[in-house]
């Protein structure tokens, strides 16, 4: 289970570990973005710091409807206490955790200042009930 908090700006955020190919590690605070269907966005500076390998380009539709071409990279992420490889979209701004990363999870939000955010595996939840 992964826990986080709701900020005063009403963003649900969690801290996750992002891993580079040579065992570089960065802890990042990622905002949950249900409008983003990918795994994770990271700023280009962090992608460089972690020396993430380039994986190609993809077309992305921004929140304002504009379509742009963006670079993709491979990164490790510790998810459900296990490292897994995900595609990372290079994007300026904050770190976003998308729906592909949340697939197979139950997300619970207490939407109030400093409210609790909980992400847990559906497999684990269903085996308890």
Foldseek 3Di string as FASTA:
>chain_A
DFKFWQAPVRWTWTWWWKAAPVGDIDIFIATEDAVDAFAKEDAPVVCVVSVFAWDAWDWDQDPVRDIDIWTWTWIWIQDPNRTDIGIYTHDPDGMYGYDVNLPQWDWDWPRDHGTMIDIDGVVVVVVVD
